Amino acid sequence: MSSMPLLPALEVLAALRTDQIVVTTMGSAREWPKLSQHPLDFHYLPSAMGHSTALGLGLALAQSRREVIAFTGDGGLLMSLGSLVTTAASGAKNLTIVLLDNRRYEVTGGQPTAAVDAKVDYLAIARGAGFTSAWSFDRLDAWRAAAASCLAAPGPRFIALAVEQLDTAYQLPAPSPIPARAKALRDRLTA
């Protein structure tokens, strides 16, 4: 399976980002802040593996006039596959789920997920869950060429990006208190 470097894959979205809420957990919460310090970035770290899709859906439903991008890792998505069915059934037109598939449980030491041996097709799972706007990319040039049209398609949207595993040991960024982050996001959304 081909894959692309993680940071350049995220840079594609950072370049297209305007005023969307961006939800990150686990691995993406370490990498996205290298590219964005936007007031609408919501990094949720404590025990959040598998929760970014649900957090993104909740924000999309509560803020129906604003686009939401929620990053999830493949390990996290495997823990909450039902969230795809719930998301598709919700009809949230303003939500994009971006799967960062490195075939590893990165935050717990880089162990391979069970999906490696099972050859899981996340695009097929998303479509089977009800996503009509769904894509999979394993080459940076193809992702770069299609990203804007993917984000403009009817939601909810699912984008699977095959990304390379990082060579460095995972370290969480220094978290700020969740209540303070939630209040800052709420204040920005109600301003």
N, C-alpha and C. Protein backbone atom coordinates (compact mmCIF):
# COMPACT_ATOMS: atom_id res chain seq x y z
N MET A 1 0.84 -1.18 0.00
CA MET A 1 0.00 0.00 0.00
C MET A 1 0.89 1.25 0.00
N SER A 2 0.62 2.15 -0.89
CA SER A 2 1.35 3.42 -0.93
C SER A 2 0.87 4.31 0.20
N SER A 3 1.69 5.29 0.55
CA SER A 3 1.29 6.26 1.58
C SER A 3 2.05 7.55 1.34
N MET A 4 1.59 8.59 2.01
CA MET A 4 2.20 9.91 1.87
C MET A 4 2.71 10.38 3.22
N PRO A 5 3.66 11.31 3.25
CA PRO A 5 4.12 11.86 4.53
C PRO A 5 2.98 12.61 5.22
N LEU A 6 2.89 12.45 6.53
CA LEU A 6 1.79 13.02 7.29
C LEU A 6 1.74 14.54 7.23
N LEU A 7 2.82 15.21 7.56
CA LEU A 7 2.79 16.68 7.63
C LEU A 7 2.40 17.31 6.29
N PRO A 8 2.98 16.90 5.16
CA PRO A 8 2.53 17.45 3.89
C PRO A 8 1.05 17.17 3.59
N ALA A 9 0.56 16.01 4.02
CA ALA A 9 -0.87 15.70 3.83
C ALA A 9 -1.73 16.68 4.62
N LEU A 10 -1.31 17.00 5.85
CA LEU A 10 -2.04 17.97 6.66
C LEU A 10 -1.89 19.39 6.11
N GLU A 11 -0.74 19.69 5.54
CA GLU A 11 -0.52 21.03 4.96
C GLU A 11 -1.53 21.34 3.86
N VAL A 12 -1.97 20.31 3.14
CA VAL A 12 -2.99 20.50 2.10
C VAL A 12 -4.25 21.08 2.73
N LEU A 13 -4.69 20.52 3.84
CA LEU A 13 -5.88 21.03 4.52
C LEU A 13 -5.63 22.38 5.17
N ALA A 14 -4.47 22.56 5.74
CA ALA A 14 -4.15 23.84 6.38
C ALA A 14 -4.21 24.97 5.36
N ALA A 15 -3.77 24.71 4.14
CA ALA A 15 -3.79 25.74 3.09
C ALA A 15 -5.20 26.08 2.65
N LEU A 16 -6.12 25.13 2.76
CA LEU A 16 -7.51 25.35 2.34
C LEU A 16 -8.39 25.85 3.47
N ARG A 17 -7.92 25.77 4.68
CA ARG A 17 -8.71 26.08 5.86
C ARG A 17 -9.04 27.57 5.93
N THR A 18 -10.30 27.85 6.23
CA THR A 18 -10.74 29.24 6.43
C THR A 18 -11.23 29.37 7.86
N ASP A 19 -12.54 29.25 8.07
CA ASP A 19 -13.08 29.40 9.43
C ASP A 19 -13.74 28.13 9.94
N GLN A 20 -13.30 26.97 9.48
CA GLN A 20 -13.83 25.71 9.96
C GLN A 20 -13.35 25.43 11.39
N ILE A 21 -14.19 24.79 12.15
CA ILE A 21 -13.76 24.22 13.43
C ILE A 21 -12.94 22.98 13.08
N VAL A 22 -11.78 22.82 13.69
CA VAL A 22 -10.95 21.64 13.46
C VAL A 22 -10.78 20.91 14.79
N VAL A 23 -11.21 19.65 14.82
CA VAL A 23 -11.11 18.82 16.02
C VAL A 23 -9.96 17.84 15.83
N THR A 24 -9.05 17.83 16.78
CA THR A 24 -7.95 16.87 16.76
C THR A 24 -7.93 16.11 18.07
N THR A 25 -7.53 14.85 17.96
CA THR A 25 -7.29 14.02 19.14
C THR A 25 -6.02 13.23 18.87
N MET A 26 -5.44 12.73 19.88
CA MET A 26 -4.31 11.81 19.84
C MET A 26 -3.22 12.28 18.86
N GLY A 27 -2.87 11.51 17.85
CA GLY A 27 -1.76 11.84 16.95
C GLY A 27 -1.94 13.15 16.22
N SER A 28 -3.15 13.42 15.75
CA SER A 28 -3.37 14.68 15.02
C SER A 28 -3.24 15.89 15.94
N ALA A 29 -3.50 15.70 17.24
CA ALA A 29 -3.37 16.81 18.20
C ALA A 29 -1.91 17.20 18.40
N ARG A 30 -1.01 16.33 18.03
CA ARG A 30 0.42 16.67 18.09
C ARG A 30 0.87 17.35 16.81
N GLU A 31 0.35 16.94 15.66
CA GLU A 31 0.85 17.43 14.38
C GLU A 31 0.14 18.68 13.87
N TRP A 32 -1.19 18.76 14.00
CA TRP A 32 -1.93 19.91 13.47
C TRP A 32 -1.46 21.24 14.06
N PRO A 33 -1.18 21.33 15.37
CA PRO A 33 -0.72 22.62 15.92
C PRO A 33 0.60 23.12 15.31
N LYS A 34 1.35 22.27 14.67
CA LYS A 34 2.56 22.72 13.97
C LYS A 34 2.20 23.58 12.76
N LEU A 35 0.97 23.42 12.27
CA LEU A 35 0.51 24.12 11.07
C LEU A 35 -0.52 25.19 11.35
N SER A 36 -1.21 25.09 12.47
CA SER A 36 -2.32 26.00 12.73
C SER A 36 -2.44 26.33 14.21
N GLN A 37 -2.63 27.59 14.49
CA GLN A 37 -2.91 28.08 15.84
C GLN A 37 -4.21 28.90 15.81
N HIS A 38 -5.15 28.43 15.05
CA HIS A 38 -6.42 29.12 14.85
C HIS A 38 -7.29 29.03 16.10
N PRO A 39 -8.05 30.08 16.42
CA PRO A 39 -8.93 30.02 17.59
C PRO A 39 -10.00 28.93 17.52
N LEU A 40 -10.29 28.44 16.32
CA LEU A 40 -11.30 27.38 16.18
C LEU A 40 -10.69 25.98 16.13
N ASP A 41 -9.42 25.86 16.48
CA ASP A 41 -8.81 24.54 16.64
C ASP A 41 -9.17 24.02 18.03
N PHE A 42 -9.70 22.80 18.09
CA PHE A 42 -10.05 22.21 19.37
C PHE A 42 -9.29 20.90 19.52
N HIS A 43 -8.26 20.92 20.36
CA HIS A 43 -7.43 19.75 20.60
C HIS A 43 -7.91 19.08 21.87
N TYR A 44 -8.46 17.89 21.72
CA TYR A 44 -8.99 17.16 22.87
C TYR A 44 -8.10 15.96 23.11
N LEU A 45 -7.42 15.95 24.25
CA LEU A 45 -6.39 14.94 24.46
C LEU A 45 -6.70 13.84 25.47
N PRO A 46 -7.29 14.10 26.61
CA PRO A 46 -7.34 13.05 27.63
C PRO A 46 -8.25 11.89 27.24
N SER A 47 -7.68 10.71 27.16
CA SER A 47 -8.45 9.49 26.87
C SER A 47 -9.39 9.67 25.69
N ALA A 48 -8.89 10.26 24.62
CA ALA A 48 -9.76 10.64 23.51
C ALA A 48 -9.69 9.69 22.32
N MET A 49 -8.93 8.63 22.41
CA MET A 49 -8.83 7.73 21.26
C MET A 49 -10.22 7.22 20.89
N GLY A 50 -10.59 7.45 19.65
CA GLY A 50 -11.89 7.01 19.16
C GLY A 50 -13.00 8.02 19.29
N HIS A 51 -12.73 9.19 19.84
CA HIS A 51 -13.80 10.15 20.12
C HIS A 51 -13.89 11.33 19.17
N SER A 52 -12.94 11.51 18.28
CA SER A 52 -12.97 12.72 17.46
C SER A 52 -14.17 12.77 16.53
N THR A 53 -14.61 11.64 16.00
CA THR A 53 -15.78 11.65 15.12
C THR A 53 -17.01 12.11 15.89
N ALA A 54 -17.20 11.60 17.09
CA ALA A 54 -18.35 12.01 17.90
C ALA A 54 -18.26 13.48 18.31
N LEU A 55 -17.06 13.93 18.69
CA LEU A 55 -16.88 15.34 19.04
C LEU A 55 -17.18 16.23 17.83
N GLY A 56 -16.67 15.84 16.67
CA GLY A 56 -16.92 16.60 15.45
C GLY A 56 -18.39 16.63 15.10
N LEU A 57 -19.06 15.50 15.24
CA LEU A 57 -20.49 15.44 14.94
C LEU A 57 -21.28 16.35 15.87
N GLY A 58 -20.97 16.30 17.15
CA GLY A 58 -21.67 17.16 18.11
C GLY A 58 -21.50 18.63 17.78
N LEU A 59 -20.28 19.02 17.44
CA LEU A 59 -20.04 20.42 17.08
C LEU A 59 -20.74 20.78 15.77
N ALA A 60 -20.74 19.86 14.80
CA ALA A 60 -21.41 20.14 13.52
C ALA A 60 -22.91 20.32 13.71
N LEU A 61 -23.51 19.50 14.56
CA LEU A 61 -24.95 19.64 14.81
C LEU A 61 -25.26 20.91 15.58
N ALA A 62 -24.40 21.26 16.52
CA ALA A 62 -24.64 22.47 17.34
C ALA A 62 -24.33 23.75 16.57
N GLN A 63 -23.43 23.67 15.60
CA GLN A 63 -22.99 24.83 14.82
C GLN A 63 -23.28 24.57 13.34
N SER A 64 -24.53 24.41 13.00
CA SER A 64 -24.91 23.94 11.66
C SER A 64 -24.52 24.91 10.54
N ARG A 65 -24.20 26.14 10.87
CA ARG A 65 -23.80 27.11 9.83
C ARG A 65 -22.29 27.17 9.64
N ARG A 66 -21.56 26.36 10.38
CA ARG A 66 -20.09 26.38 10.29
C ARG A 66 -19.59 24.99 9.94
N GLU A 67 -18.61 24.92 9.06
CA GLU A 67 -18.00 23.64 8.70
C GLU A 67 -17.12 23.12 9.84
N VAL A 68 -17.08 21.80 9.97
CA VAL A 68 -16.28 21.13 10.99
C VAL A 68 -15.43 20.06 10.30
N ILE A 69 -14.16 20.02 10.64
CA ILE A 69 -13.25 18.96 10.18
C ILE A 69 -12.78 18.23 11.43
N ALA A 70 -12.98 16.92 11.45
CA ALA A 70 -12.55 16.10 12.59
C ALA A 70 -11.54 15.07 12.10
N PHE A 71 -10.34 15.13 12.66
CA PHE A 71 -9.29 14.16 12.33
C PHE A 71 -9.42 12.96 13.25
N THR A 72 -9.29 11.78 12.70
CA THR A 72 -9.23 10.56 13.49
C THR A 72 -8.12 9.68 12.95
N GLY A 73 -7.53 8.91 13.82
CA GLY A 73 -6.55 7.93 13.38
C GLY A 73 -7.24 6.61 13.11
N ASP A 74 -6.56 5.72 12.42
CA ASP A 74 -7.15 4.43 12.12
C ASP A 74 -7.38 3.61 13.39
N GLY A 75 -6.47 3.69 14.35
CA GLY A 75 -6.68 2.98 15.61
C GLY A 75 -7.90 3.51 16.34
N GLY A 76 -8.05 4.83 16.37
CA GLY A 76 -9.22 5.43 17.00
C GLY A 76 -10.51 5.08 16.29
N LEU A 77 -10.49 5.09 14.96
CA LEU A 77 -11.70 4.76 14.22
C LEU A 77 -12.10 3.31 14.44
N LEU A 78 -11.11 2.42 14.52
CA LEU A 78 -11.42 1.02 14.79
C LEU A 78 -12.15 0.86 16.13
N MET A 79 -11.87 1.74 17.07
CA MET A 79 -12.52 1.68 18.39
C MET A 79 -13.96 2.19 18.35
N SER A 80 -14.33 2.87 17.27
CA SER A 80 -15.66 3.50 17.24
C SER A 80 -16.27 3.49 15.85
N LEU A 81 -16.23 2.34 15.19
CA LEU A 81 -16.77 2.26 13.84
C LEU A 81 -18.25 2.66 13.77
N GLY A 82 -18.98 2.43 14.85
CA GLY A 82 -20.39 2.81 14.87
C GLY A 82 -20.61 4.30 14.69
N SER A 83 -19.59 5.09 15.02
CA SER A 83 -19.73 6.54 14.87
C SER A 83 -19.91 6.94 13.40
N LEU A 84 -19.42 6.12 12.48
CA LEU A 84 -19.61 6.43 11.06
C LEU A 84 -21.08 6.29 10.68
N VAL A 85 -21.75 5.26 11.17
CA VAL A 85 -23.17 5.07 10.88
C VAL A 85 -23.98 6.23 11.48
N THR A 86 -23.67 6.58 12.71
CA THR A 86 -24.37 7.69 13.38
C THR A 86 -24.15 8.99 12.62
N THR A 87 -22.92 9.23 12.19
CA THR A 87 -22.61 10.45 11.45
C THR A 87 -23.36 10.50 10.12
N ALA A 88 -23.32 9.42 9.36
CA ALA A 88 -24.02 9.41 8.08
C ALA A 88 -25.52 9.57 8.28
N ALA A 89 -26.07 8.90 9.28
CA ALA A 89 -27.51 8.99 9.55
C ALA A 89 -27.93 10.38 10.02
N SER A 90 -27.01 11.11 10.64
CA SER A 90 -27.34 12.44 11.15
C SER A 90 -27.64 13.43 10.03
N GLY A 91 -27.05 13.18 8.87
CA GLY A 91 -27.23 14.11 7.76
C GLY A 91 -26.50 15.42 7.95
N ALA A 92 -25.51 15.47 8.82
CA ALA A 92 -24.76 16.70 9.08
C ALA A 92 -24.02 17.11 7.81
N LYS A 93 -24.53 18.09 7.12
CA LYS A 93 -23.97 18.52 5.83
C LYS A 93 -22.65 19.27 5.99
N ASN A 94 -22.33 19.68 7.21
CA ASN A 94 -21.17 20.54 7.46
C ASN A 94 -20.02 19.82 8.15
N LEU A 95 -19.93 18.51 7.99
CA LEU A 95 -18.91 17.73 8.70
C LEU A 95 -18.05 16.93 7.73
N THR A 96 -16.74 17.01 7.94
CA THR A 96 -15.77 16.20 7.21
C THR A 96 -14.97 15.39 8.22
N ILE A 97 -14.97 14.08 8.05
CA ILE A 97 -14.14 13.19 8.86
C ILE A 97 -12.89 12.88 8.03
N VAL A 98 -11.72 13.16 8.58
CA VAL A 98 -10.47 12.86 7.89
C VAL A 98 -9.75 11.76 8.67
N LEU A 99 -9.64 10.60 8.03
CA LEU A 99 -8.95 9.47 8.63
C LEU A 99 -7.47 9.53 8.25
N LEU A 100 -6.61 9.53 9.27
CA LEU A 100 -5.16 9.46 9.06
C LEU A 100 -4.74 8.01 9.33
N ASP A 101 -4.60 7.26 8.27
CA ASP A 101 -4.37 5.82 8.36
C ASP A 101 -2.89 5.49 8.21
N ASN A 102 -2.23 5.27 9.36
CA ASN A 102 -0.83 4.84 9.32
C ASN A 102 -0.67 3.38 9.72
N ARG A 103 -1.82 2.70 9.89
CA ARG A 103 -1.85 1.27 10.19
C ARG A 103 -1.20 0.92 11.53
N ARG A 104 -1.21 1.91 12.43
CA ARG A 104 -0.57 1.72 13.74
C ARG A 104 -1.39 2.36 14.85
N TYR A 105 -1.24 1.82 16.04
CA TYR A 105 -1.70 2.51 17.26
C TYR A 105 -0.53 3.38 17.69
N GLU A 106 -0.42 4.54 17.07
CA GLU A 106 0.76 5.38 17.26
C GLU A 106 0.96 5.80 18.71
N VAL A 107 -0.09 6.20 19.39
CA VAL A 107 0.07 6.79 20.72
C VAL A 107 0.38 5.76 21.80
N THR A 108 0.20 4.48 21.49
CA THR A 108 0.51 3.48 22.51
C THR A 108 1.79 2.72 22.21
N GLY A 109 2.57 3.19 21.23
CA GLY A 109 3.85 2.57 20.96
C GLY A 109 4.07 2.13 19.53
N GLY A 110 3.12 2.38 18.65
CA GLY A 110 3.31 2.07 17.25
C GLY A 110 2.99 0.63 16.86
N GLN A 111 2.22 -0.07 17.69
CA GLN A 111 1.85 -1.43 17.35
C GLN A 111 0.94 -1.44 16.13
N PRO A 112 1.07 -2.44 15.26
CA PRO A 112 0.17 -2.53 14.10
C PRO A 112 -1.27 -2.77 14.58
N THR A 113 -2.22 -2.15 13.89
CA THR A 113 -3.62 -2.43 14.19
C THR A 113 -3.99 -3.78 13.59
N ALA A 114 -5.08 -4.36 14.03
CA ALA A 114 -5.56 -5.62 13.46
C ALA A 114 -5.94 -5.44 12.00
N ALA A 115 -6.21 -4.21 11.60
CA ALA A 115 -6.61 -3.93 10.22
C ALA A 115 -5.50 -4.21 9.23
N VAL A 116 -4.25 -4.25 9.67
CA VAL A 116 -3.13 -4.52 8.77
C VAL A 116 -3.27 -5.92 8.19
N ASP A 117 -3.47 -6.90 9.04
CA ASP A 117 -3.60 -8.28 8.57
C ASP A 117 -4.94 -8.51 7.88
N ALA A 118 -5.97 -7.84 8.34
CA ALA A 118 -7.30 -8.02 7.77
C ALA A 118 -7.48 -7.25 6.47
N LYS A 119 -6.53 -6.38 6.14
CA LYS A 119 -6.59 -5.56 4.93
C LYS A 119 -7.92 -4.79 4.85
N VAL A 120 -8.21 -4.07 5.92
CA VAL A 120 -9.46 -3.32 6.04
C VAL A 120 -9.50 -2.20 5.01
N ASP A 121 -10.64 -2.05 4.37
CA ASP A 121 -10.88 -1.00 3.38
C ASP A 121 -11.79 0.05 4.04
N TYR A 122 -11.18 1.11 4.57
CA TYR A 122 -11.96 2.12 5.29
C TYR A 122 -12.92 2.87 4.38
N LEU A 123 -12.56 3.05 3.12
CA LEU A 123 -13.47 3.70 2.18
C LEU A 123 -14.74 2.86 2.01
N ALA A 124 -14.58 1.55 1.86
CA ALA A 124 -15.75 0.67 1.74
C ALA A 124 -16.59 0.70 3.01
N ILE A 125 -15.94 0.76 4.16
CA ILE A 125 -16.68 0.83 5.42
C ILE A 125 -17.49 2.13 5.48
N ALA A 126 -16.86 3.25 5.13
CA ALA A 126 -17.56 4.53 5.16
C ALA A 126 -18.75 4.52 4.20
N ARG A 127 -18.55 4.03 3.01
CA ARG A 127 -19.66 3.96 2.06
C ARG A 127 -20.75 3.02 2.56
N GLY A 128 -20.35 1.91 3.14
CA GLY A 128 -21.32 0.97 3.71
C GLY A 128 -22.09 1.57 4.88
N ALA A 129 -21.46 2.50 5.59
CA ALA A 129 -22.12 3.18 6.71
C ALA A 129 -23.08 4.26 6.24
N GLY A 130 -23.02 4.62 4.95
CA GLY A 130 -23.96 5.60 4.42
C GLY A 130 -23.35 6.89 3.90
N PHE A 131 -22.03 7.01 3.90
CA PHE A 131 -21.38 8.21 3.35
C PHE A 131 -21.45 8.14 1.83
N THR A 132 -22.06 9.14 1.21
CA THR A 132 -22.07 9.20 -0.25
C THR A 132 -20.91 10.04 -0.76
N SER A 133 -20.39 10.92 0.06
CA SER A 133 -19.20 11.71 -0.27
C SER A 133 -18.03 11.09 0.48
N ALA A 134 -17.28 10.23 -0.21
CA ALA A 134 -16.20 9.49 0.46
C ALA A 134 -15.08 9.22 -0.54
N TRP A 135 -13.85 9.40 -0.09
CA TRP A 135 -12.67 9.25 -0.94
C TRP A 135 -11.54 8.62 -0.14
N SER A 136 -10.59 8.08 -0.88
CA SER A 136 -9.39 7.53 -0.28
C SER A 136 -8.19 7.96 -1.13
N PHE A 137 -7.13 8.40 -0.46
CA PHE A 137 -5.93 8.85 -1.16
C PHE A 137 -4.69 8.22 -0.52
N ASP A 138 -3.77 7.79 -1.38
CA ASP A 138 -2.50 7.28 -0.87
C ASP A 138 -1.30 7.97 -1.53
N ARG A 139 -1.59 8.96 -2.37
CA ARG A 139 -0.53 9.74 -3.01
C ARG A 139 -0.78 11.23 -2.77
N LEU A 140 0.24 11.94 -2.39
CA LEU A 140 0.11 13.36 -2.05
C LEU A 140 -0.35 14.19 -3.24
N ASP A 141 0.15 13.92 -4.43
CA ASP A 141 -0.25 14.72 -5.59
C ASP A 141 -1.74 14.57 -5.89
N ALA A 142 -2.26 13.36 -5.78
CA ALA A 142 -3.69 13.13 -6.00
C ALA A 142 -4.53 13.81 -4.92
N TRP A 143 -4.09 13.72 -3.67
CA TRP A 143 -4.78 14.37 -2.56
C TRP A 143 -4.80 15.88 -2.75
N ARG A 144 -3.66 16.44 -3.08
CA ARG A 144 -3.55 17.89 -3.28
C ARG A 144 -4.49 18.34 -4.41
N ALA A 145 -4.57 17.58 -5.48
CA ALA A 145 -5.41 17.95 -6.63
C ALA A 145 -6.90 17.86 -6.32
N ALA A 146 -7.30 16.96 -5.42
CA ALA A 146 -8.72 16.73 -5.17
C ALA A 146 -9.26 17.35 -3.89
N ALA A 147 -8.41 17.80 -3.00
CA ALA A 147 -8.84 18.22 -1.66
C ALA A 147 -9.93 19.28 -1.68
N ALA A 148 -9.77 20.33 -2.45
CA ALA A 148 -10.76 21.41 -2.46
C ALA A 148 -12.12 20.91 -2.91
N SER A 149 -12.16 20.07 -3.94
CA SER A 149 -13.46 19.57 -4.39
C SER A 149 -14.06 18.60 -3.38
N CYS A 150 -13.24 17.85 -2.68
CA CYS A 150 -13.76 16.96 -1.62
C CYS A 150 -14.43 17.78 -0.53
N LEU A 151 -13.78 18.86 -0.10
CA LEU A 151 -14.34 19.69 0.97
C LEU A 151 -15.60 20.43 0.53
N ALA A 152 -15.78 20.62 -0.78
CA ALA A 152 -16.95 21.33 -1.29
C ALA A 152 -18.12 20.39 -1.58
N ALA A 153 -17.90 19.08 -1.51
CA ALA A 153 -18.95 18.11 -1.80
C ALA A 153 -19.99 18.11 -0.68
N PRO A 154 -21.19 17.58 -0.97
CA PRO A 154 -22.21 17.50 0.07
C PRO A 154 -21.74 16.66 1.26
N GLY A 155 -22.04 17.11 2.45
CA GLY A 155 -21.65 16.38 3.65
C GLY A 155 -22.77 15.49 4.14
N PRO A 156 -22.43 14.64 5.09
CA PRO A 156 -21.11 14.48 5.69
C PRO A 156 -20.14 13.84 4.69
N ARG A 157 -18.88 14.17 4.89
CA ARG A 157 -17.82 13.71 4.00
C ARG A 157 -16.84 12.83 4.79
N PHE A 158 -16.26 11.87 4.11
CA PHE A 158 -15.24 10.99 4.70
C PHE A 158 -14.05 10.96 3.77
N ILE A 159 -12.88 11.27 4.30
CA ILE A 159 -11.64 11.27 3.51
C ILE A 159 -10.62 10.40 4.24
N ALA A 160 -10.19 9.34 3.58
CA ALA A 160 -9.16 8.46 4.15
C ALA A 160 -7.83 8.80 3.50
N LEU A 161 -6.86 9.12 4.33
CA LEU A 161 -5.51 9.43 3.85
C LEU A 161 -4.54 8.38 4.37
N ALA A 162 -3.92 7.63 3.46
CA ALA A 162 -2.89 6.67 3.85
C ALA A 162 -1.61 7.46 4.09
N VAL A 163 -1.19 7.50 5.35
CA VAL A 163 -0.02 8.31 5.72
C VAL A 163 1.07 7.42 6.31
N GLU A 164 2.30 7.90 6.19
CA GLU A 164 3.43 7.17 6.73
C GLU A 164 3.47 7.30 8.25
N GLN A 165 3.93 6.25 8.88
CA GLN A 165 4.13 6.29 10.32
C GLN A 165 5.29 7.24 10.63
N LEU A 166 5.16 8.02 11.68
CA LEU A 166 6.23 8.92 12.08
C LEU A 166 7.38 8.12 12.68
N ASP A 167 8.58 8.59 12.46
CA ASP A 167 9.76 7.88 12.95
C ASP A 167 10.06 8.16 14.42
N THR A 168 9.43 9.18 14.96
CA THR A 168 9.72 9.58 16.34
C THR A 168 8.72 8.97 17.31
N ALA A 169 9.15 8.82 18.54
CA ALA A 169 8.25 8.32 19.57
C ALA A 169 7.15 9.34 19.82
N TYR A 170 5.94 8.86 20.04
CA TYR A 170 4.81 9.75 20.25
C TYR A 170 4.93 10.45 21.60
N GLN A 171 4.72 11.74 21.58
CA GLN A 171 4.65 12.52 22.81
C GLN A 171 3.48 13.48 22.68
N LEU A 172 2.61 13.44 23.65
CA LEU A 172 1.48 14.38 23.64
C LEU A 172 1.97 15.79 23.85
N PRO A 173 1.34 16.76 23.20
CA PRO A 173 1.68 18.15 23.50
C PRO A 173 1.23 18.48 24.92
N ALA A 174 1.82 19.50 25.49
CA ALA A 174 1.41 19.92 26.83
C ALA A 174 -0.04 20.41 26.76
N PRO A 175 -0.93 19.73 27.46
CA PRO A 175 -2.34 20.12 27.35
C PRO A 175 -2.67 21.32 28.23
N SER A 176 -3.59 22.12 27.73
CA SER A 176 -4.18 23.13 28.58
C SER A 176 -5.45 22.52 29.14
N PRO A 177 -5.97 23.03 30.22
CA PRO A 177 -7.15 22.41 30.82
C PRO A 177 -8.34 22.38 29.84
N ILE A 178 -9.01 21.24 29.78
CA ILE A 178 -10.14 21.07 28.88
C ILE A 178 -11.22 22.12 29.10
N PRO A 179 -11.60 22.43 30.33
CA PRO A 179 -12.63 23.46 30.49
C PRO A 179 -12.22 24.80 29.86
N ALA A 180 -10.96 25.16 29.98
CA ALA A 180 -10.49 26.43 29.40
C ALA A 180 -10.55 26.37 27.87
N ARG A 181 -10.17 25.22 27.28
CA ARG A 181 -10.23 25.09 25.82
C ARG A 181 -11.67 25.13 25.34
N ALA A 182 -12.55 24.42 26.04
CA ALA A 182 -13.96 24.39 25.65
C ALA A 182 -14.57 25.79 25.76
N LYS A 183 -14.23 26.53 26.82
CA LYS A 183 -14.75 27.88 26.98
C LYS A 183 -14.23 28.81 25.88
N ALA A 184 -12.95 28.68 25.54
CA ALA A 184 -12.38 29.51 24.49
C ALA A 184 -13.06 29.25 23.15
N LEU A 185 -13.32 27.97 22.85
CA LEU A 185 -14.01 27.64 21.62
C LEU A 185 -15.44 28.18 21.64
N ARG A 186 -16.14 27.98 22.74
CA ARG A 186 -17.52 28.47 22.85
C ARG A 186 -17.56 30.00 22.71
N ASP A 187 -16.64 30.69 23.36
CA ASP A 187 -16.60 32.14 23.25
C ASP A 187 -16.37 32.60 21.82
N ARG A 188 -15.49 31.89 21.13
CA ARG A 188 -15.21 32.25 19.73
C ARG A 188 -16.45 32.00 18.86
N LEU A 189 -17.16 30.92 19.12
CA LEU A 189 -18.34 30.58 18.31
C LEU A 189 -19.52 31.49 18.57
N THR A 190 -19.58 32.06 19.75
CA THR A 190 -20.71 32.93 20.07
C THR A 190 -20.39 34.42 19.90
N ALA A 191 -19.15 34.72 19.51
CA ALA A 191 -18.75 36.12 19.33
C ALA A 191 -19.39 36.74 18.11
